[in-house]
């Protein structure tokens, strides 16, 4: 979307197609990049914040360059470039300390009891099961 906005493409079909292709490409690239890496929740959040910080830095840089005047094209372009750079730096910073994924599946089945309130005034216990699968 950012590339088409910088190139001033206004056709709706082109914008929708670019969104779909960009989303699918980002999903595939992210999956390929992180296939053998297991980030902790904190590391994943910091990588996301790095991407956000890079985008905000790009927007701030565009504001300083344009002095707040002109079109939105520098903002969109530099925000996209900054987001990619922020992601790359944060990803590289946390990749060595993250553990490698194993090829094992982890399946956990836990019994759980659920409290059920029927239309009558009495409550009853209903047996249940919780299943958690991670790869």
C-alpha atoms as a PDB file:
ATOM      1  CA  UNK A   1       0.000   0.000   0.000  1.00  0.00           C
ATOM      2  CA  UNK A   2       2.789   2.429   0.850  1.00  0.00           C
ATOM      3  CA  UNK A   3       4.491   1.887  -2.515  1.00  0.00           C
ATOM      4  CA  UNK A   4       1.254   2.520  -4.403  1.00  0.00           C
ATOM      5  CA  UNK A   5       0.546   5.618  -2.320  1.00  0.00           C
ATOM      6  CA  UNK A   6       4.012   7.000  -3.026  1.00  0.00           C
ATOM      7  CA  UNK A   7       3.459   6.281  -6.736  1.00  0.00           C
ATOM      8  CA  UNK A   8       0.011   7.996  -6.481  1.00  0.00           C
ATOM      9  CA  UNK A   9      -2.020   5.051  -7.722  1.00  0.00           C
ATOM     10  CA  UNK A  10      -5.680   5.721  -6.906  1.00  0.00           C
ATOM     11  CA  UNK A  11      -7.400   2.790  -8.610  1.00  0.00           C
ATOM     12  CA  UNK A  12      -9.416   0.798  -6.079  1.00  0.00           C
ATOM     13  CA  UNK A  13      -8.715  -2.614  -7.623  1.00  0.00           C
ATOM     14  CA  UNK A  14      -4.972  -1.977  -7.610  1.00  0.00           C
ATOM     15  CA  UNK A  15      -5.054  -0.896  -3.955  1.00  0.00           C
ATOM     16  CA  UNK A  16      -7.079  -3.939  -2.885  1.00  0.00           C
ATOM     17  CA  UNK A  17      -4.840  -6.281  -4.884  1.00  0.00           C
ATOM     18  CA  UNK A  18      -1.710  -4.713  -3.409  1.00  0.00           C
ATOM     19  CA  UNK A  19      -3.148  -5.110   0.091  1.00  0.00           C
ATOM     20  CA  UNK A  20      -3.866  -8.798  -0.470  1.00  0.00           C
ATOM     21  CA  UNK A  21      -0.512  -9.545  -2.097  1.00  0.00           C
ATOM     22  CA  UNK A  22       1.348  -7.558   0.570  1.00  0.00           C
ATOM     23  CA  UNK A  23      -0.481  -9.277   3.419  1.00  0.00           C
ATOM     24  CA  UNK A  24       0.121 -12.769   2.054  1.00  0.00           C
ATOM     25  CA  UNK A  25       3.755 -11.958   1.236  1.00  0.00           C
ATOM     26  CA  UNK A  26       4.304 -10.592   4.734  1.00  0.00           C
ATOM     27  CA  UNK A  27       2.783 -13.691   6.271  1.00  0.00           C
ATOM     28  CA  UNK A  28       4.978 -16.017   4.198  1.00  0.00           C
ATOM     29  CA  UNK A  29       8.122 -13.936   4.816  1.00  0.00           C
ATOM     30  CA  UNK A  30       7.453 -13.781   8.565  1.00  0.00           C
ATOM     31  CA  UNK A  31       6.831 -17.504   8.762  1.00  0.00           C
ATOM     32  CA  UNK A  32       9.984 -18.269   6.784  1.00  0.00           C
ATOM     33  CA  UNK A  33      12.075 -15.852   8.841  1.00  0.00           C
ATOM     34  CA  UNK A  34      10.958 -17.164  12.233  1.00  0.00           C
ATOM     35  CA  UNK A  35      10.583 -20.844  11.334  1.00  0.00           C
ATOM     36  CA  UNK A  36      13.568 -21.993  13.402  1.00  0.00           C
ATOM     37  CA  UNK A  37      13.387 -19.377  16.154  1.00  0.00           C
ATOM     38  CA  UNK A  38      11.303 -19.341  19.307  1.00  0.00           C
ATOM     39  CA  UNK A  39      10.952 -15.905  20.834  1.00  0.00           C
ATOM     40  CA  UNK A  40       9.625 -15.459  24.353  1.00  0.00           C
ATOM     41  CA  UNK A  41       6.519 -13.309  24.735  1.00  0.00           C
ATOM     42  CA  UNK A  42       8.663 -10.389  25.892  1.00  0.00           C
ATOM     43  CA  UNK A  43      11.062 -10.713  22.965  1.00  0.00           C
ATOM     44  CA  UNK A  44       8.170 -10.845  20.502  1.00  0.00           C
ATOM     45  CA  UNK A  45       6.670  -7.713  22.049  1.00  0.00           C
ATOM     46  CA  UNK A  46      10.007  -5.896  21.831  1.00  0.00           C
ATOM     47  CA  UNK A  47      10.395  -6.822  18.149  1.00  0.00           C
ATOM     48  CA  UNK A  48       6.908  -5.421  17.516  1.00  0.00           C
ATOM     49  CA  UNK A  49       7.763  -2.260  19.463  1.00  0.00           C
ATOM     50  CA  UNK A  50      10.956  -1.938  17.395  1.00  0.00           C
ATOM     51  CA  UNK A  51       8.846  -1.982  14.256  1.00  0.00           C
ATOM     52  CA  UNK A  52       6.478   0.615  15.707  1.00  0.00           C
ATOM     53  CA  UNK A  53       9.374   2.809  16.857  1.00  0.00           C
ATOM     54  CA  UNK A  54      10.993   2.648  13.426  1.00  0.00           C
ATOM     55  CA  UNK A  55       7.740   3.693  11.781  1.00  0.00           C
ATOM     56  CA  UNK A  56       7.336   6.621  14.169  1.00  0.00           C
ATOM     57  CA  UNK A  57      10.940   7.652  13.544  1.00  0.00           C
ATOM     58  CA  UNK A  58      10.211   7.600   9.807  1.00  0.00           C
ATOM     59  CA  UNK A  59       7.127   9.797  10.295  1.00  0.00           C
ATOM     60  CA  UNK A  60       9.120  12.216  12.451  1.00  0.00           C
ATOM     61  CA  UNK A  61      11.878  12.375   9.856  1.00  0.00           C
ATOM     62  CA  UNK A  62       9.325  13.100   7.130  1.00  0.00           C
ATOM     63  CA  UNK A  63       7.876  15.895   9.258  1.00  0.00           C
ATOM     64  CA  UNK A  64      11.311  17.458   9.700  1.00  0.00           C
ATOM     65  CA  UNK A  65      12.095  17.180   5.985  1.00  0.00           C
ATOM     66  CA  UNK A  66       8.767  18.630   4.796  1.00  0.00           C
ATOM     67  CA  UNK A  67       8.364  21.037   7.745  1.00  0.00           C
ATOM     68  CA  UNK A  68       4.773  19.842   8.060  1.00  0.00           C
ATOM     69  CA  UNK A  69       3.779  20.993   4.574  1.00  0.00           C
ATOM     70  CA  UNK A  70       3.165  19.153   1.353  1.00  0.00           C
ATOM     71  CA  UNK A  71       1.688  15.790   0.526  1.00  0.00           C
ATOM     72  CA  UNK A  72       1.487  12.634   2.624  1.00  0.00           C
ATOM     73  CA  UNK A  73       3.795  10.675   0.315  1.00  0.00           C
ATOM     74  CA  UNK A  74       7.014  11.284   2.309  1.00  0.00           C
ATOM     75  CA  UNK A  75       5.204  10.299   5.520  1.00  0.00           C
ATOM     76  CA  UNK A  76       3.922   7.027   4.102  1.00  0.00           C
ATOM     77  CA  UNK A  77       7.180   6.118   2.397  1.00  0.00           C
ATOM     78  CA  UNK A  78       9.463   6.909   5.335  1.00  0.00           C
ATOM     79  CA  UNK A  79       7.068   5.254   7.805  1.00  0.00           C
ATOM     80  CA  UNK A  80       7.220   2.041   5.755  1.00  0.00           C
ATOM     81  CA  UNK A  81      11.008   2.173   5.458  1.00  0.00           C
ATOM     82  CA  UNK A  82      11.364   2.971   9.168  1.00  0.00           C
ATOM     83  CA  UNK A  83       9.072   0.098  10.164  1.00  0.00           C
ATOM     84  CA  UNK A  84      11.063  -2.392   8.126  1.00  0.00           C
ATOM     85  CA  UNK A  85      14.344  -1.072   9.548  1.00  0.00           C
ATOM     86  CA  UNK A  86      12.994  -1.114  13.115  1.00  0.00           C
ATOM     87  CA  UNK A  87      11.799  -4.694  12.706  1.00  0.00           C
ATOM     88  CA  UNK A  88      15.120  -5.784  11.214  1.00  0.00           C
ATOM     89  CA  UNK A  89      17.221  -4.232  13.984  1.00  0.00           C
ATOM     90  CA  UNK A  90      14.999  -5.594  16.771  1.00  0.00           C
ATOM     91  CA  UNK A  91      14.848  -9.045  15.169  1.00  0.00           C
ATOM     92  CA  UNK A  92      18.633  -9.159  14.821  1.00  0.00           C
ATOM     93  CA  UNK A  93      19.041  -7.962  18.421  1.00  0.00           C
ATOM     94  CA  UNK A  94      16.938 -10.776  19.887  1.00  0.00           C
ATOM     95  CA  UNK A  95      17.656 -13.687  17.520  1.00  0.00           C
ATOM     96  CA  UNK A  96      20.893 -14.876  19.207  1.00  0.00           C
ATOM     97  CA  UNK A  97      19.284 -15.055  22.672  1.00  0.00           C
ATOM     98  CA  UNK A  98      16.130 -16.844  21.534  1.00  0.00           C
ATOM     99  CA  UNK A  99      16.025 -20.610  21.681  1.00  0.00           C
ATOM    100  CA  UNK A 100      15.792 -22.769  18.605  1.00  0.00           C
ATOM    101  CA  UNK A 101      12.488 -24.466  17.937  1.00  0.00           C
ATOM    102  CA  UNK A 102      12.322 -28.186  18.237  1.00  0.00           C
ATOM    103  CA  UNK A 103      10.405 -30.299  15.777  1.00  0.00           C
ATOM    104  CA  UNK A 104       8.277 -31.790  18.562  1.00  0.00           C
ATOM    105  CA  UNK A 105       4.590 -31.257  19.079  1.00  0.00           C
ATOM    106  CA  UNK A 106       3.341 -30.542  22.578  1.00  0.00           C
ATOM    107  CA  UNK A 107      -0.217 -31.754  23.201  1.00  0.00           C
ATOM    108  CA  UNK A 108      -1.775 -31.249  26.626  1.00  0.00           C
ATOM    109  CA  UNK A 109      -5.202 -32.501  27.620  1.00  0.00           C
ATOM    110  CA  UNK A 110      -6.540 -31.281  30.954  1.00  0.00           C
ATOM    111  CA  UNK A 111      -9.816 -32.205  32.611  1.00  0.00           C
ATOM    112  CA  UNK A 112     -11.893 -29.240  33.670  1.00  0.00           C
ATOM    113  CA  UNK A 113     -15.160 -28.851  35.485  1.00  0.00           C
ATOM    114  CA  UNK A 114     -17.601 -26.229  34.306  1.00  0.00           C
ATOM    115  CA  UNK A 115     -20.340 -24.766  36.445  1.00  0.00           C
ATOM    116  CA  UNK A 116     -23.662 -24.837  34.656  1.00  0.00           C
ATOM    117  CA  UNK A 117     -26.683 -22.852  35.750  1.00  0.00           C
ATOM    118  CA  UNK A 118     -29.866 -24.389  34.491  1.00  0.00           C
ATOM    119  CA  UNK A 119     -33.255 -22.730  34.337  1.00  0.00           C
ATOM    120  CA  UNK A 120     -33.963 -24.068  37.813  1.00  0.00           C
ATOM    121  CA  UNK A 121     -32.367 -22.473  40.845  1.00  0.00           C
ATOM    122  CA  UNK A 122     -29.787 -25.252  41.248  1.00  0.00           C
ATOM    123  CA  UNK A 123     -26.306 -25.320  39.759  1.00  0.00           C
ATOM    124  CA  UNK A 124     -24.617 -28.462  38.514  1.00  0.00           C
ATOM    125  CA  UNK A 125     -21.091 -29.428  37.547  1.00  0.00           C
ATOM    126  CA  UNK A 126     -20.524 -30.407  33.900  1.00  0.00           C
ATOM    127  CA  UNK A 127     -17.336 -32.293  33.016  1.00  0.00           C
ATOM    128  CA  UNK A 128     -15.167 -30.794  30.303  1.00  0.00           C
ATOM    129  CA  UNK A 129     -11.770 -31.078  28.667  1.00  0.00           C
ATOM    130  CA  UNK A 130      -9.222 -28.437  27.663  1.00  0.00           C
ATOM    131  CA  UNK A 131      -6.831 -29.240  24.811  1.00  0.00           C
ATOM    132  CA  UNK A 132      -3.663 -27.194  24.087  1.00  0.00           C
ATOM    133  CA  UNK A 133      -1.497 -27.937  21.034  1.00  0.00           C
ATOM    134  CA  UNK A 134       1.781 -26.127  20.297  1.00  0.00           C
ATOM    135  CA  UNK A 135       4.467 -26.758  17.731  1.00  0.00           C
END
